[in-house]
Amino acid sequence: MAFLATIAAGLASRKFPGLLPAFLGKYPGDALWSLMVFFGVGAMFPTAAGVRVATTALGLAYAVEALKLWQAPWLVQVRHTAIGHLVFGHVFSWQNLVAYAVGVLVGLALESFFLRQKA
């Protein structure tokens, strides 16, 4: 459920950027993208420790960002599709790495909060 809600929030952040402070730019969507990865990794490995899920999610997000440096023709074509753009993006940006870290840290904080609520 959190995975799907995060996708919806991420798409909304790009479709309605005026709802967020302008100084944030496109980075809320990037942070939400890595939060979605965090939730996805957590769903695939439900017994994994939160730090391990966070490390894996951040590694995947950073790997996808680094992949933007590779401009193979077939990969550029994939990036020009709607789903390819949403998954892979287009241009490498160091700032995205910070946004991804923020998103994963939010996921880790949410997980910690909800685990404490269960106890």
C-alpha atoms as a PDB file:
ATOM      1  CA  MET A   1       0.000   0.000   0.000  1.00  0.00           C
ATOM      2  CA  ALA A   2       2.807   2.410   0.934  1.00  0.00           C
ATOM      3  CA  PHE A   3       4.528   1.579  -2.362  1.00  0.00           C
ATOM      4  CA  LEU A   4       1.468   2.574  -4.420  1.00  0.00           C
ATOM      5  CA  ALA A   5       0.749   5.665  -2.312  1.00  0.00           C
ATOM      6  CA  THR A   6       4.335   6.813  -2.820  1.00  0.00           C
ATOM      7  CA  ILE A   7       4.048   6.361  -6.586  1.00  0.00           C
ATOM      8  CA  ALA A   8       0.855   8.440  -6.574  1.00  0.00           C
ATOM      9  CA  ALA A   9       2.503  11.167  -4.464  1.00  0.00           C
ATOM     10  CA  GLY A  10       5.566  11.194  -6.719  1.00  0.00           C
ATOM     11  CA  LEU A  11       3.502  11.517  -9.878  1.00  0.00           C
ATOM     12  CA  ALA A  12       1.414  14.247  -8.251  1.00  0.00           C
ATOM     13  CA  SER A  13       4.564  16.147  -7.258  1.00  0.00           C
ATOM     14  CA  ARG A  14       5.540  16.325 -10.931  1.00  0.00           C
ATOM     15  CA  LYS A  15       2.046  16.974 -12.291  1.00  0.00           C
ATOM     16  CA  PHE A  16       1.229  19.717  -9.768  1.00  0.00           C
ATOM     17  CA  PRO A  17       4.573  21.317  -8.872  1.00  0.00           C
ATOM     18  CA  GLY A  18       2.819  24.526  -7.807  1.00  0.00           C
ATOM     19  CA  LEU A  19       1.547  22.758  -4.685  1.00  0.00           C
ATOM     20  CA  LEU A  20       5.082  22.578  -3.325  1.00  0.00           C
ATOM     21  CA  PRO A  21       7.495  25.409  -2.538  1.00  0.00           C
ATOM     22  CA  ALA A  22       9.309  26.438  -5.730  1.00  0.00           C
ATOM     23  CA  PHE A  23      12.748  26.258  -4.102  1.00  0.00           C
ATOM     24  CA  LEU A  24      12.333  22.474  -3.778  1.00  0.00           C
ATOM     25  CA  GLY A  25      12.276  22.136  -7.563  1.00  0.00           C
ATOM     26  CA  LYS A  26      11.835  18.592  -8.800  1.00  0.00           C
ATOM     27  CA  TYR A  27      13.596  17.057  -5.816  1.00  0.00           C
ATOM     28  CA  PRO A  28      10.484  15.990  -3.865  1.00  0.00           C
ATOM     29  CA  GLY A  29       9.714  13.629  -6.763  1.00  0.00           C
ATOM     30  CA  ASP A  30      13.250  12.246  -6.612  1.00  0.00           C
ATOM     31  CA  ALA A  31      13.023  11.745  -2.858  1.00  0.00           C
ATOM     32  CA  LEU A  32       9.663  10.013  -3.296  1.00  0.00           C
ATOM     33  CA  TRP A  33      11.159   7.817  -6.027  1.00  0.00           C
ATOM     34  CA  SER A  34      13.820   6.521  -3.628  1.00  0.00           C
ATOM     35  CA  LEU A  35      11.189   6.132  -0.895  1.00  0.00           C
ATOM     36  CA  MET A  36       9.252   3.952  -3.330  1.00  0.00           C
ATOM     37  CA  VAL A  37      12.413   1.900  -3.888  1.00  0.00           C
ATOM     38  CA  PHE A  38      12.783   1.581  -0.099  1.00  0.00           C
ATOM     39  CA  PHE A  39       9.210   0.287   0.217  1.00  0.00           C
ATOM     40  CA  GLY A  40       9.734  -2.060  -2.726  1.00  0.00           C
ATOM     41  CA  VAL A  41      12.904  -3.550  -1.268  1.00  0.00           C
ATOM     42  CA  GLY A  42      11.172  -3.856   2.107  1.00  0.00           C
ATOM     43  CA  ALA A  43       8.261  -5.703   0.498  1.00  0.00           C
ATOM     44  CA  MET A  44      10.617  -8.088  -1.295  1.00  0.00           C
ATOM     45  CA  PHE A  45      12.615  -8.778   1.876  1.00  0.00           C
ATOM     46  CA  PRO A  46      10.136  -8.356   4.742  1.00  0.00           C
ATOM     47  CA  THR A  47      12.400  -9.889   7.380  1.00  0.00           C
ATOM     48  CA  ALA A  48      15.439  -7.760   6.498  1.00  0.00           C
ATOM     49  CA  ALA A  49      16.592  -5.166   8.999  1.00  0.00           C
ATOM     50  CA  GLY A  50      15.635  -1.587   8.190  1.00  0.00           C
ATOM     51  CA  VAL A  51      19.232  -0.484   7.774  1.00  0.00           C
ATOM     52  CA  ARG A  52      19.826  -3.283   5.285  1.00  0.00           C
ATOM     53  CA  VAL A  53      16.701  -2.317   3.337  1.00  0.00           C
ATOM     54  CA  ALA A  54      17.829   1.325   3.375  1.00  0.00           C
ATOM     55  CA  THR A  55      21.335   0.457   2.219  1.00  0.00           C
ATOM     56  CA  THR A  56      20.000  -1.707  -0.595  1.00  0.00           C
ATOM     57  CA  ALA A  57      17.445   0.911  -1.682  1.00  0.00           C
ATOM     58  CA  LEU A  58      20.030   3.684  -1.666  1.00  0.00           C
ATOM     59  CA  GLY A  59      22.472   1.507  -3.606  1.00  0.00           C
ATOM     60  CA  LEU A  60      19.812   0.791  -6.233  1.00  0.00           C
ATOM     61  CA  ALA A  61      18.845   4.465  -6.479  1.00  0.00           C
ATOM     62  CA  TYR A  62      22.482   5.501  -6.851  1.00  0.00           C
ATOM     63  CA  ALA A  63      23.063   2.780  -9.448  1.00  0.00           C
ATOM     64  CA  VAL A  64      20.118   4.005 -11.527  1.00  0.00           C
ATOM     65  CA  GLU A  65      21.471   7.562 -11.270  1.00  0.00           C
ATOM     66  CA  ALA A  66      24.949   6.410 -12.348  1.00  0.00           C
ATOM     67  CA  LEU A  67      23.340   4.549 -15.256  1.00  0.00           C
ATOM     68  CA  LYS A  68      22.347   7.968 -16.629  1.00  0.00           C
ATOM     69  CA  LEU A  69      26.014   8.495 -17.470  1.00  0.00           C
ATOM     70  CA  TRP A  70      25.787   5.618 -19.970  1.00  0.00           C
ATOM     71  CA  GLN A  71      24.211   6.869 -23.186  1.00  0.00           C
ATOM     72  CA  ALA A  72      23.805   3.661 -25.176  1.00  0.00           C
ATOM     73  CA  PRO A  73      21.363   4.279 -28.062  1.00  0.00           C
ATOM     74  CA  TRP A  74      18.938   1.581 -26.949  1.00  0.00           C
ATOM     75  CA  LEU A  75      18.942   2.935 -23.378  1.00  0.00           C
ATOM     76  CA  VAL A  76      18.349   6.490 -24.607  1.00  0.00           C
ATOM     77  CA  GLN A  77      15.324   5.160 -26.528  1.00  0.00           C
ATOM     78  CA  VAL A  78      14.003   3.492 -23.362  1.00  0.00           C
ATOM     79  CA  ARG A  79      14.460   6.757 -21.440  1.00  0.00           C
ATOM     80  CA  HIS A  80      12.314   8.554 -24.024  1.00  0.00           C
ATOM     81  CA  THR A  81       9.303   6.398 -23.175  1.00  0.00           C
ATOM     82  CA  ALA A  82       7.006   7.495 -20.343  1.00  0.00           C
ATOM     83  CA  ILE A  83       7.823   4.532 -18.103  1.00  0.00           C
ATOM     84  CA  GLY A  84      11.517   4.640 -19.031  1.00  0.00           C
ATOM     85  CA  HIS A  85      11.701   8.295 -18.049  1.00  0.00           C
ATOM     86  CA  LEU A  86       9.951   7.618 -14.731  1.00  0.00           C
ATOM     87  CA  VAL A  87      12.257   4.703 -13.892  1.00  0.00           C
ATOM     88  CA  PHE A  88      15.581   5.839 -15.338  1.00  0.00           C
ATOM     89  CA  GLY A  89      15.320   9.611 -15.802  1.00  0.00           C
ATOM     90  CA  HIS A  90      17.448  11.385 -18.393  1.00  0.00           C
ATOM     91  CA  VAL A  91      20.341  13.410 -17.032  1.00  0.00           C
ATOM     92  CA  PHE A  92      22.770  12.621 -14.218  1.00  0.00           C
ATOM     93  CA  SER A  93      22.618  15.078 -11.325  1.00  0.00           C
ATOM     94  CA  TRP A  94      24.614  15.109  -8.113  1.00  0.00           C
ATOM     95  CA  GLN A  95      21.669  16.788  -6.403  1.00  0.00           C
ATOM     96  CA  ASN A  96      19.539  13.729  -7.098  1.00  0.00           C
ATOM     97  CA  LEU A  97      21.888  11.692  -4.916  1.00  0.00           C
ATOM     98  CA  VAL A  98      21.023  13.945  -1.977  1.00  0.00           C
ATOM     99  CA  ALA A  99      17.298  13.698  -2.730  1.00  0.00           C
ATOM    100  CA  TYR A 100      17.565   9.900  -2.859  1.00  0.00           C
ATOM    101  CA  ALA A 101      19.297   9.848   0.527  1.00  0.00           C
ATOM    102  CA  VAL A 102      16.528  12.024   1.975  1.00  0.00           C
ATOM    103  CA  GLY A 103      13.846   9.696   0.605  1.00  0.00           C
ATOM    104  CA  VAL A 104      15.496   6.588   1.994  1.00  0.00           C
ATOM    105  CA  LEU A 105      16.045   8.258   5.382  1.00  0.00           C
ATOM    106  CA  VAL A 106      12.352   9.169   5.468  1.00  0.00           C
ATOM    107  CA  GLY A 107      11.537   5.510   4.798  1.00  0.00           C
ATOM    108  CA  LEU A 108      13.833   4.372   7.585  1.00  0.00           C
ATOM    109  CA  ALA A 109      12.315   6.935   9.972  1.00  0.00           C
ATOM    110  CA  LEU A 110       8.762   5.857   9.047  1.00  0.00           C
ATOM    111  CA  GLU A 111       9.663   2.218   9.567  1.00  0.00           C
ATOM    112  CA  SER A 112      11.204   2.971  12.960  1.00  0.00           C
ATOM    113  CA  PHE A 113       8.153   5.012  13.984  1.00  0.00           C
ATOM    114  CA  PHE A 114       5.664   2.336  12.993  1.00  0.00           C
ATOM    115  CA  LEU A 115       7.697  -0.463  14.565  1.00  0.00           C
ATOM    116  CA  ARG A 116       7.735   1.479  17.850  1.00  0.00           C
ATOM    117  CA  GLN A 117       3.968   1.938  17.589  1.00  0.00           C
ATOM    118  CA  LYS A 118       3.535  -1.826  17.234  1.00  0.00           C
ATOM    119  CA  ALA A 119       5.604  -2.581  20.326  1.00  0.00           C
END
